Amino acid sequence: MNPTLLTSQGPSLFSADGLAGLIFLIMVAVMLLGGLMACTSERLVRSVAGLVVCFVGVAGIFYYLNSPFIAVMEMLIYVGAVSITISFAIMLAAPEQSKKIGPSGPLAGPLGFLTAGLAFGGLAVLGCRTVWPVQAKINSGSMETIGVRLLNEYSMVFELVSLVLLVAILGALILARSGRNH
């Protein structure tokens, strides 16, 4: 068979590129299903479980995009620390069975879907018009390389992660304190 004919049709599912594309789509589906579960669940514990699934999907996408360090940090910080902090806040807060939080009016649902559709459409157009160059393999992922990059290239990310953890801990404390007083 002619090799140029194969490249014009795109990669086969049984090739390395086709399988990588399938894994990427699976990670996107995991992320979207986790986010949907987190947003639509009526029980807080199930919402946190959906948030964990969404974070795992995001970590998989980071790994697919040749950023294993960011993927590991996503797993450690968001899946580990932030989700556990939210779980503790839920456990410490007093349950309120009588209070139902829902849409505030008849237009809340359609306006939310319209806003989400506009944001998705804008990002889709931006994504389709952007040139995405293929990046070479970064490195072997040794501890020395990760340490040097953490303190040089990713120092701002490292500091922002500490701020996210601080906000999560403060939010958990506020939820726990207000839940016990009422």
Protein backbone atom coordinates (compact mmCIF):
# COMPACT_ATOMS: atom_id res chain seq x y z
CA MET A 1 0.00 0.00 0.00
CA ASN A 2 1.15 3.54 -0.71
CA PRO A 3 2.45 5.31 2.49
CA THR A 4 1.26 8.72 1.28
CA LEU A 5 -2.25 7.32 1.02
CA LEU A 6 -2.16 6.37 4.72
CA THR A 7 -1.06 9.82 5.84
CA SER A 8 -3.78 11.53 3.82
CA GLN A 9 -6.49 9.45 5.52
CA GLY A 10 -5.14 9.99 9.03
CA PRO A 11 -3.77 7.51 11.51
CA SER A 12 -5.39 4.12 11.95
CA LEU A 13 -6.84 3.20 15.33
CA PHE A 14 -4.32 0.35 15.57
CA SER A 15 -1.32 2.62 15.07
CA ALA A 16 0.53 4.46 17.83
CA ASP A 17 -0.94 7.83 16.81
CA GLY A 18 -4.47 6.45 16.59
CA LEU A 19 -4.22 4.83 20.01
CA ALA A 20 -2.78 8.02 21.50
CA GLY A 21 -5.70 9.98 20.07
CA LEU A 22 -8.13 7.45 21.54
CA ILE A 23 -6.51 7.73 24.97
CA PHE A 24 -6.73 11.52 24.74
CA LEU A 25 -10.43 11.31 23.92
CA ILE A 26 -10.97 8.92 26.83
CA MET A 27 -9.26 11.38 29.19
CA VAL A 28 -11.42 14.22 27.86
CA ALA A 29 -14.53 12.07 28.40
CA VAL A 30 -13.43 11.20 31.95
CA MET A 31 -12.86 14.88 32.68
CA LEU A 32 -16.23 15.95 31.26
CA LEU A 33 -18.16 13.15 32.99
CA GLY A 34 -16.49 13.96 36.30
CA GLY A 35 -17.33 17.64 35.91
CA LEU A 36 -20.91 16.80 35.00
CA MET A 37 -21.18 14.51 38.01
CA ALA A 38 -19.72 17.23 40.26
CA CYS A 39 -22.16 19.86 39.01
CA THR A 40 -25.38 17.86 38.82
CA SER A 41 -25.17 15.64 41.88
CA GLU A 42 -27.51 16.50 44.73
CA ARG A 43 -25.32 14.94 47.42
CA LEU A 44 -22.10 16.70 48.37
CA VAL A 45 -20.11 13.49 48.72
CA ARG A 46 -20.98 12.48 45.16
CA SER A 47 -20.06 15.96 43.96
CA VAL A 48 -16.62 15.61 45.55
CA ALA A 49 -16.24 12.19 43.92
CA GLY A 50 -17.09 13.78 40.57
CA LEU A 51 -14.54 16.50 41.25
CA VAL A 52 -11.89 13.83 41.92
CA VAL A 53 -12.76 12.07 38.65
CA CYS A 54 -12.54 15.39 36.80
CA PHE A 55 -9.12 16.12 38.32
CA VAL A 56 -7.87 12.66 37.30
CA GLY A 57 -8.99 13.40 33.72
CA VAL A 58 -7.18 16.74 33.78
CA ALA A 59 -4.02 15.01 35.05
CA GLY A 60 -4.30 12.49 32.21
CA ILE A 61 -4.56 15.31 29.68
CA PHE A 62 -1.48 16.99 31.16
CA TYR A 63 0.42 13.72 30.89
CA TYR A 64 -0.74 13.28 27.31
CA LEU A 65 0.47 16.81 26.52
CA ASN A 66 4.01 15.79 27.53
CA SER A 67 3.93 17.41 30.97
CA PRO A 68 4.39 14.54 33.42
CA PHE A 69 5.48 16.86 36.22
CA ILE A 70 2.31 18.96 36.00
CA ALA A 71 0.26 15.73 35.81
CA VAL A 72 1.84 14.41 39.01
CA MET A 73 1.36 17.75 40.74
CA GLU A 74 -2.29 17.72 39.64
CA MET A 75 -2.72 14.29 41.21
CA LEU A 76 -0.92 15.21 44.43
CA ILE A 77 -2.35 18.65 45.00
CA TYR A 78 -5.86 18.61 43.57
CA VAL A 79 -6.82 14.95 43.84
CA GLY A 80 -4.97 14.45 47.09
CA ALA A 81 -4.95 17.65 49.10
CA VAL A 82 -7.82 19.80 47.84
CA SER A 83 -10.33 16.95 47.51
CA ILE A 84 -9.48 15.59 50.94
CA THR A 85 -9.79 19.08 52.43
CA ILE A 86 -13.22 19.49 50.86
CA SER A 87 -14.20 16.04 52.15
CA PHE A 88 -13.18 17.03 55.69
CA ALA A 89 -15.19 20.24 55.38
CA ILE A 90 -18.24 18.24 54.35
CA MET A 91 -17.77 15.83 57.25
CA LEU A 92 -17.32 18.62 59.80
CA ALA A 93 -20.26 20.71 58.64
CA ALA A 94 -23.66 20.00 60.13
CA PRO A 95 -26.17 18.52 57.69
CA GLU A 96 -29.00 20.75 56.63
CA GLN A 97 -31.78 18.63 55.15
CA SER A 98 -34.44 21.33 54.86
CA LYS A 99 -32.45 23.77 52.76
CA LYS A 100 -32.59 23.11 48.99
CA ILE A 101 -30.43 25.24 46.73
CA GLY A 102 -31.59 25.41 43.14
CA PRO A 103 -32.06 27.76 40.24
CA SER A 104 -33.32 31.14 41.31
CA GLY A 105 -35.73 31.68 38.43
CA PRO A 106 -37.14 30.23 35.22
CA LEU A 107 -34.38 31.80 33.11
CA ALA A 108 -31.46 30.51 35.19
CA GLY A 109 -31.15 27.22 33.27
CA PRO A 110 -31.41 28.61 29.72
CA LEU A 111 -29.09 31.53 30.51
CA GLY A 112 -26.56 29.15 32.01
CA PHE A 113 -26.67 26.91 28.93
CA LEU A 114 -26.42 29.94 26.64
CA THR A 115 -23.37 31.25 28.51
CA ALA A 116 -21.73 27.83 28.49
CA GLY A 117 -22.49 27.43 24.77
CA LEU A 118 -20.98 30.80 23.94
CA ALA A 119 -17.86 30.04 25.96
CA PHE A 120 -17.53 26.62 24.34
CA GLY A 121 -18.07 28.05 20.86
CA GLY A 122 -15.48 30.77 21.39
CA LEU A 123 -12.91 28.31 22.71
CA ALA A 124 -13.66 25.86 19.89
CA VAL A 125 -13.15 28.54 17.23
CA LEU A 126 -9.95 29.66 18.95
CA GLY A 127 -8.72 26.06 19.16
CA CYS A 128 -9.46 25.36 15.49
CA ARG A 129 -7.75 28.51 14.23
CA THR A 130 -4.61 28.13 16.35
CA VAL A 131 -1.55 26.43 14.91
CA TRP A 132 -0.49 23.67 17.32
CA PRO A 133 3.18 22.77 16.74
CA VAL A 134 4.32 19.29 17.75
CA GLN A 135 6.74 19.45 20.67
CA ALA A 136 9.70 17.15 21.09
CA LYS A 137 10.06 14.89 24.13
CA ILE A 138 11.05 17.04 27.09
CA ASN A 139 13.34 14.81 29.15
CA SER A 140 13.63 11.49 30.92
CA GLY A 141 11.88 12.75 34.04
CA SER A 142 14.76 12.25 36.46
CA MET A 143 14.50 13.69 39.96
CA GLU A 144 17.38 16.09 39.33
CA THR A 145 15.72 17.50 36.22
CA ILE A 146 12.39 17.85 38.01
CA GLY A 147 14.05 19.62 40.95
CA VAL A 148 15.94 22.07 38.75
CA ARG A 149 12.83 22.85 36.69
CA LEU A 150 10.69 23.20 39.80
CA LEU A 151 12.96 25.87 41.21
CA ASN A 152 13.72 27.60 37.90
CA GLU A 153 10.99 27.32 35.25
CA TYR A 154 8.04 26.29 37.41
CA SER A 155 8.68 28.41 40.50
CA MET A 156 5.60 30.57 39.87
CA VAL A 157 3.43 27.47 39.44
CA PHE A 158 4.85 26.08 42.68
CA GLU A 159 3.93 29.26 44.55
CA LEU A 160 0.45 29.41 43.00
CA VAL A 161 -0.16 25.82 44.11
CA SER A 162 0.64 26.81 47.68
CA LEU A 163 -1.91 29.64 47.42
CA VAL A 164 -4.55 27.20 46.12
CA LEU A 165 -3.88 24.94 49.10
CA LEU A 166 -4.13 27.89 51.47
CA VAL A 167 -7.48 28.95 50.01
CA ALA A 168 -8.76 25.35 50.19
CA ILE A 169 -7.77 25.05 53.85
CA LEU A 170 -9.34 28.42 54.71
CA GLY A 171 -12.52 27.46 52.85
CA ALA A 172 -12.71 24.16 54.73
CA LEU A 173 -12.27 25.96 58.04
CA ILE A 174 -14.99 28.50 57.20
CA LEU A 175 -17.39 25.75 56.12
CA ALA A 176 -16.67 23.73 59.24
CA ARG A 177 -17.05 26.68 61.57
CA SER A 178 -20.28 28.02 60.08
CA GLY A 179 -21.77 24.54 59.87
CA ARG A 180 -21.27 23.83 63.58
CA ASN A 181 -22.60 27.16 64.85
CA HIS A 182 -26.03 26.99 63.16
